[in-house]
């Protein structure tokens, strides 16, 4: 799945699962929003020491495995 994070004094494997619903569970996420969201997450992972293992969307919420 993911590799261990090796720093100077520690080794870790830390994962977070976030579920972010749209306000009032409105249907607002379509294919275009999905594509843009994944592009933004890839740009974030280039700038910071974070890796998005999975990004999945439904019509009214988004799942992140970070």
PDB file of N, CA and C in Angstrom:
ATOM      1  N   UNK A   1       0.823  -1.180   0.000  1.00  0.00           N
ATOM      2  CA  UNK A   1       0.000   0.000   0.000  1.00  0.00           C
ATOM      3  C   UNK A   1       0.871   1.249   0.000  1.00  0.00           C
ATOM      4  N   UNK A   2       1.406   1.640   1.121  1.00  0.00           N
ATOM      5  CA  UNK A   2       2.295   2.794   1.128  1.00  0.00           C
ATOM      6  C   UNK A   2       3.615   2.391   1.780  1.00  0.00           C
ATOM      7  N   UNK A   3       4.616   3.183   1.566  1.00  0.00           N
ATOM      8  CA  UNK A   3       5.918   2.922   2.144  1.00  0.00           C
ATOM      9  C   UNK A   3       6.014   3.573   3.515  1.00  0.00           C
ATOM     10  N   UNK A   4       6.981   3.140   4.267  1.00  0.00           N
ATOM     11  CA  UNK A   4       7.227   3.758   5.560  1.00  0.00           C
ATOM     12  C   UNK A   4       7.846   5.135   5.348  1.00  0.00           C
ATOM     13  N   UNK A   5       7.532   6.027   6.253  1.00  0.00           N
ATOM     14  CA  UNK A   5       8.099   7.372   6.235  1.00  0.00           C
ATOM     15  C   UNK A   5       9.335   7.342   7.113  1.00  0.00           C
ATOM     16  N   UNK A   6      10.472   7.547   6.522  1.00  0.00           N
ATOM     17  CA  UNK A   6      11.730   7.469   7.265  1.00  0.00           C
ATOM     18  C   UNK A   6      12.292   8.882   7.445  1.00  0.00           C
ATOM     19  N   UNK A   7      12.393   9.269   8.698  1.00  0.00           N
ATOM     20  CA  UNK A   7      12.992  10.550   9.070  1.00  0.00           C
ATOM     21  C   UNK A   7      14.303  10.282   9.801  1.00  0.00           C
ATOM     22  N   UNK A   8      14.906  11.324  10.288  1.00  0.00           N
ATOM     23  CA  UNK A   8      16.199  11.183  10.949  1.00  0.00           C
ATOM     24  C   UNK A   8      16.106  10.317  12.212  1.00  0.00           C
ATOM     25  N   UNK A   9      15.029  10.525  13.011  1.00  0.00           N
ATOM     26  CA  UNK A   9      14.913   9.823  14.287  1.00  0.00           C
ATOM     27  C   UNK A   9      13.743   8.848  14.370  1.00  0.00           C
ATOM     28  N   UNK A  10      12.993   8.662  13.312  1.00  0.00           N
ATOM     29  CA  UNK A  10      11.843   7.765  13.422  1.00  0.00           C
ATOM     30  C   UNK A  10      11.463   7.154  12.079  1.00  0.00           C
ATOM     31  N   UNK A  11      10.655   6.120  12.175  1.00  0.00           N
ATOM     32  CA  UNK A  11      10.073   5.470  11.011  1.00  0.00           C
ATOM     33  C   UNK A  11       8.589   5.335  11.308  1.00  0.00           C
ATOM     34  N   UNK A  12       7.744   5.740  10.375  1.00  0.00           N
ATOM     35  CA  UNK A  12       6.309   5.704  10.650  1.00  0.00           C
ATOM     36  C   UNK A  12       5.517   5.379   9.399  1.00  0.00           C
ATOM     37  N   UNK A  13       4.304   4.968   9.643  1.00  0.00           N
ATOM     38  CA  UNK A  13       3.348   4.719   8.577  1.00  0.00           C
ATOM     39  C   UNK A  13       2.011   5.238   9.099  1.00  0.00           C
ATOM     40  N   UNK A  14       1.682   6.420   8.685  1.00  0.00           N
ATOM     41  CA  UNK A  14       0.524   7.113   9.214  1.00  0.00           C
ATOM     42  C   UNK A  14      -0.470   7.344   8.081  1.00  0.00           C
ATOM     43  N   UNK A  15      -1.706   6.900   8.267  1.00  0.00           N
ATOM     44  CA  UNK A  15      -2.738   7.077   7.240  1.00  0.00           C
ATOM     45  C   UNK A  15      -3.978   7.687   7.876  1.00  0.00           C
ATOM     46  N   UNK A  16      -4.616   8.563   7.113  1.00  0.00           N
ATOM     47  CA  UNK A  16      -5.865   9.185   7.539  1.00  0.00           C
ATOM     48  C   UNK A  16      -6.933   8.904   6.493  1.00  0.00           C
ATOM     49  N   UNK A  17      -8.159   8.704   6.956  1.00  0.00           N
ATOM     50  CA  UNK A  17      -9.301   8.547   6.062  1.00  0.00           C
ATOM     51  C   UNK A  17     -10.275   9.674   6.376  1.00  0.00           C
ATOM     52  N   UNK A  18     -10.457  10.568   5.409  1.00  0.00           N
ATOM     53  CA  UNK A  18     -11.366  11.694   5.559  1.00  0.00           C
ATOM     54  C   UNK A  18     -12.566  11.501   4.648  1.00  0.00           C
ATOM     55  N   UNK A  19     -13.750  11.785   5.168  1.00  0.00           N
ATOM     56  CA  UNK A  19     -14.962  11.818   4.364  1.00  0.00           C
ATOM     57  C   UNK A  19     -15.519  13.222   4.499  1.00  0.00           C
ATOM     58  N   UNK A  20     -15.621  13.920   3.367  1.00  0.00           N
ATOM     59  CA  UNK A  20     -16.083  15.304   3.378  1.00  0.00           C
ATOM     60  C   UNK A  20     -17.387  15.421   2.602  1.00  0.00           C
ATOM     61  N   UNK A  21     -18.518  15.569   3.302  1.00  0.00           N
ATOM     62  CA  UNK A  21     -19.789  15.720   2.599  1.00  0.00           C
ATOM     63  C   UNK A  21     -20.001  17.159   2.137  1.00  0.00           C
ATOM     64  N   UNK A  22     -20.789  17.305   1.093  1.00  0.00           N
ATOM     65  CA  UNK A  22     -21.189  18.639   0.638  1.00  0.00           C
ATOM     66  C   UNK A  22     -22.219  19.191   1.623  1.00  0.00           C
ATOM     67  N   UNK A  23     -22.327  20.487   1.665  1.00  0.00           N
ATOM     68  CA  UNK A  23     -23.265  21.112   2.587  1.00  0.00           C
ATOM     69  C   UNK A  23     -24.690  20.631   2.304  1.00  0.00           C
ATOM     70  N   UNK A  24     -25.356  20.176   3.323  1.00  0.00           N
ATOM     71  CA  UNK A  24     -26.719  19.643   3.252  1.00  0.00           C
ATOM     72  C   UNK A  24     -26.815  18.451   2.298  1.00  0.00           C
ATOM     73  N   UNK A  25     -25.678  17.780   2.057  1.00  0.00           N
ATOM     74  CA  UNK A  25     -25.623  16.594   1.178  1.00  0.00           C
ATOM     75  C   UNK A  25     -26.190  16.875  -0.215  1.00  0.00           C
ATOM     76  N   UNK A  26     -25.966  18.080  -0.691  1.00  0.00           N
ATOM     77  CA  UNK A  26     -26.432  18.433  -2.040  1.00  0.00           C
ATOM     78  C   UNK A  26     -25.597  17.723  -3.090  1.00  0.00           C
ATOM     79  N   UNK A  27     -26.217  17.403  -4.210  1.00  0.00           N
ATOM     80  CA  UNK A  27     -25.527  16.741  -5.322  1.00  0.00           C
ATOM     81  C   UNK A  27     -24.796  17.820  -6.119  1.00  0.00           C
ATOM     82  N   UNK A  28     -23.485  17.952  -5.858  1.00  0.00           N
ATOM     83  CA  UNK A  28     -22.701  18.999  -6.508  1.00  0.00           C
ATOM     84  C   UNK A  28     -21.437  18.471  -7.176  1.00  0.00           C
ATOM     85  N   UNK A  29     -21.074  17.232  -6.932  1.00  0.00           N
ATOM     86  CA  UNK A  29     -19.821  16.698  -7.457  1.00  0.00           C
ATOM     87  C   UNK A  29     -20.099  15.908  -8.733  1.00  0.00           C
ATOM     88  N   UNK A  30     -19.550  16.402  -9.830  1.00  0.00           N
ATOM     89  CA  UNK A  30     -19.691  15.710 -11.112  1.00  0.00           C
ATOM     90  C   UNK A  30     -18.310  15.327 -11.618  1.00  0.00           C
ATOM     91  N   UNK A  31     -18.205  14.882 -12.845  1.00  0.00           N
ATOM     92  CA  UNK A  31     -16.926  14.427 -13.399  1.00  0.00           C
ATOM     93  C   UNK A  31     -15.901  15.552 -13.474  1.00  0.00           C
ATOM     94  N   UNK A  32     -16.347  16.755 -13.786  1.00  0.00           N
ATOM     95  CA  UNK A  32     -15.436  17.898 -13.879  1.00  0.00           C
ATOM     96  C   UNK A  32     -14.855  18.242 -12.508  1.00  0.00           C
ATOM     97  N   UNK A  33     -15.699  18.272 -11.490  1.00  0.00           N
ATOM     98  CA  UNK A  33     -15.239  18.562 -10.129  1.00  0.00           C
ATOM     99  C   UNK A  33     -14.285  17.467  -9.666  1.00  0.00           C
ATOM    100  N   UNK A  34     -14.585  16.225  -9.988  1.00  0.00           N
ATOM    101  CA  UNK A  34     -13.727  15.097  -9.637  1.00  0.00           C
ATOM    102  C   UNK A  34     -12.336  15.253 -10.256  1.00  0.00           C
ATOM    103  N   UNK A  35     -12.284  15.592 -11.513  1.00  0.00           N
ATOM    104  CA  UNK A  35     -11.011  15.753 -12.214  1.00  0.00           C
ATOM    105  C   UNK A  35     -10.193  16.898 -11.620  1.00  0.00           C
ATOM    106  N   UNK A  36     -10.819  18.038 -11.395  1.00  0.00           N
ATOM    107  CA  UNK A  36     -10.123  19.208 -10.841  1.00  0.00           C
ATOM    108  C   UNK A  36      -9.643  18.919  -9.419  1.00  0.00           C
ATOM    109  N   UNK A  37     -10.449  18.252  -8.635  1.00  0.00           N
ATOM    110  CA  UNK A  37     -10.071  17.915  -7.263  1.00  0.00           C
ATOM    111  C   UNK A  37      -8.832  17.023  -7.237  1.00  0.00           C
ATOM    112  N   UNK A  38      -8.781  16.038  -8.115  1.00  0.00           N
ATOM    113  CA  UNK A  38      -7.615  15.149  -8.172  1.00  0.00           C
ATOM    114  C   UNK A  38      -6.375  15.889  -8.651  1.00  0.00           C
ATOM    115  N   UNK A  39      -6.520  16.810  -9.590  1.00  0.00           N
ATOM    116  CA  UNK A  39      -5.381  17.612 -10.049  1.00  0.00           C
ATOM    117  C   UNK A  39      -4.833  18.484  -8.922  1.00  0.00           C
ATOM    118  N   UNK A  40      -5.713  19.086  -8.153  1.00  0.00           N
ATOM    119  CA  UNK A  40      -5.295  19.931  -7.035  1.00  0.00           C
ATOM    120  C   UNK A  40      -4.566  19.102  -5.982  1.00  0.00           C
ATOM    121  N   UNK A  41      -5.073  17.922  -5.702  1.00  0.00           N
ATOM    122  CA  UNK A  41      -4.422  17.054  -4.715  1.00  0.00           C
ATOM    123  C   UNK A  41      -3.038  16.624  -5.175  1.00  0.00           C
ATOM    124  N   UNK A  42      -2.869  16.367  -6.454  1.00  0.00           N
ATOM    125  CA  UNK A  42      -1.544  16.016  -6.975  1.00  0.00           C
ATOM    126  C   UNK A  42      -0.571  17.190  -6.846  1.00  0.00           C
ATOM    127  N   UNK A  43      -1.050  18.396  -7.068  1.00  0.00           N
ATOM    128  CA  UNK A  43      -0.203  19.573  -6.901  1.00  0.00           C
ATOM    129  C   UNK A  43       0.185  19.763  -5.435  1.00  0.00           C
ATOM    130  N   UNK A  44      -0.740  19.501  -4.538  1.00  0.00           N
ATOM    131  CA  UNK A  44      -0.446  19.604  -3.101  1.00  0.00           C
ATOM    132  C   UNK A  44       0.624  18.590  -2.715  1.00  0.00           C
ATOM    133  N   UNK A  45       0.502  17.380  -3.244  1.00  0.00           N
ATOM    134  CA  UNK A  45       1.472  16.341  -2.879  1.00  0.00           C
ATOM    135  C   UNK A  45       2.864  16.628  -3.439  1.00  0.00           C
ATOM    136  N   UNK A  46       2.963  17.439  -4.480  1.00  0.00           N
ATOM    137  CA  UNK A  46       4.274  17.837  -5.002  1.00  0.00           C
ATOM    138  C   UNK A  46       4.954  18.857  -4.092  1.00  0.00           C
ATOM    139  N   UNK A  47       4.160  19.697  -3.438  1.00  0.00           N
ATOM    140  CA  UNK A  47       4.712  20.767  -2.610  1.00  0.00           C
ATOM    141  C   UNK A  47       4.984  20.362  -1.169  1.00  0.00           C
ATOM    142  N   UNK A  48       4.231  19.392  -0.666  1.00  0.00           N
ATOM    143  CA  UNK A  48       4.337  19.014   0.737  1.00  0.00           C
ATOM    144  C   UNK A  48       4.612  17.511   0.864  1.00  0.00           C
ATOM    145  N   UNK A  49       5.192  17.082   1.974  1.00  0.00           N
ATOM    146  CA  UNK A  49       5.467  15.648   2.156  1.00  0.00           C
ATOM    147  C   UNK A  49       4.199  14.876   2.540  1.00  0.00           C
ATOM    148  N   UNK A  50       3.294  14.792   1.619  1.00  0.00           N
ATOM    149  CA  UNK A  50       2.013  14.113   1.827  1.00  0.00           C
ATOM    150  C   UNK A  50       1.700  13.323   0.569  1.00  0.00           C
ATOM    151  N   UNK A  51       1.073  12.188   0.728  1.00  0.00           N
ATOM    152  CA  UNK A  51       0.699  11.414  -0.459  1.00  0.00           C
ATOM    153  C   UNK A  51      -0.754  10.983  -0.341  1.00  0.00           C
ATOM    154  N   UNK A  52      -1.495  11.221  -1.379  1.00  0.00           N
ATOM    155  CA  UNK A  52      -2.894  10.827  -1.455  1.00  0.00           C
ATOM    156  C   UNK A  52      -2.939   9.412  -2.027  1.00  0.00           C
ATOM    157  N   UNK A  53      -3.262   8.445  -1.192  1.00  0.00           N
ATOM    158  CA  UNK A  53      -3.309   7.056  -1.638  1.00  0.00           C
ATOM    159  C   UNK A  53      -4.556   6.790  -2.471  1.00  0.00           C
ATOM    160  N   UNK A  54      -5.668   7.373  -2.045  1.00  0.00           N
ATOM    161  CA  UNK A  54      -6.899   7.220  -2.810  1.00  0.00           C
ATOM    162  C   UNK A  54      -7.741   8.482  -2.681  1.00  0.00           C
ATOM    163  N   UNK A  55      -8.394   8.841  -3.771  1.00  0.00           N
ATOM    164  CA  UNK A  55      -9.352   9.944  -3.798  1.00  0.00           C
ATOM    165  C   UNK A  55     -10.555   9.443  -4.571  1.00  0.00           C
ATOM    166  N   UNK A  56     -11.665   9.322  -3.882  1.00  0.00           N
ATOM    167  CA  UNK A  56     -12.893   8.838  -4.519  1.00  0.00           C
ATOM    168  C   UNK A  56     -14.014   9.825  -4.261  1.00  0.00           C
ATOM    169  N   UNK A  57     -14.860  10.020  -5.258  1.00  0.00           N
ATOM    170  CA  UNK A  57     -15.972  10.949  -5.114  1.00  0.00           C
ATOM    171  C   UNK A  57     -17.287  10.241  -5.392  1.00  0.00           C
ATOM    172  N   UNK A  58     -18.317  10.743  -4.777  1.00  0.00           N
ATOM    173  CA  UNK A  58     -19.682  10.351  -5.066  1.00  0.00           C
ATOM    174  C   UNK A  58     -20.421  11.646  -5.377  1.00  0.00           C
ATOM    175  N   UNK A  59     -21.694  11.587  -5.576  1.00  0.00           N
ATOM    176  CA  UNK A  59     -22.431  12.798  -5.963  1.00  0.00           C
ATOM    177  C   UNK A  59     -22.467  13.851  -4.867  1.00  0.00           C
ATOM    178  N   UNK A  60     -22.374  13.411  -3.598  1.00  0.00           N
ATOM    179  CA  UNK A  60     -22.529  14.365  -2.508  1.00  0.00           C
ATOM    180  C   UNK A  60     -21.425  14.302  -1.452  1.00  0.00           C
ATOM    181  N   UNK A  61     -20.350  13.529  -1.693  1.00  0.00           N
ATOM    182  CA  UNK A  61     -19.248  13.495  -0.733  1.00  0.00           C
ATOM    183  C   UNK A  61     -17.964  13.007  -1.404  1.00  0.00           C
ATOM    184  N   UNK A  62     -16.836  13.239  -0.682  1.00  0.00           N
ATOM    185  CA  UNK A  62     -15.514  12.861  -1.185  1.00  0.00           C
ATOM    186  C   UNK A  62     -14.800  12.061  -0.098  1.00  0.00           C
ATOM    187  N   UNK A  63     -14.100  10.995  -0.503  1.00  0.00           N
ATOM    188  CA  UNK A  63     -13.280  10.184   0.397  1.00  0.00           C
ATOM    189  C   UNK A  63     -11.809  10.408   0.055  1.00  0.00           C
ATOM    190  N   UNK A  64     -11.016  10.665   1.084  1.00  0.00           N
ATOM    191  CA  UNK A  64      -9.570  10.781   0.925  1.00  0.00           C
ATOM    192  C   UNK A  64      -8.905   9.747   1.813  1.00  0.00           C
ATOM    193  N   UNK A  65      -7.944   9.021   1.272  1.00  0.00           N
ATOM    194  CA  UNK A  65      -7.055   8.187   2.077  1.00  0.00           C
ATOM    195  C   UNK A  65      -5.679   8.789   1.905  1.00  0.00           C
ATOM    196  N   UNK A  66      -5.182   9.389   2.986  1.00  0.00           N
ATOM    197  CA  UNK A  66      -3.955  10.183   2.932  1.00  0.00           C
ATOM    198  C   UNK A  66      -2.890   9.524   3.792  1.00  0.00           C
TER     199      UNK A  66
END
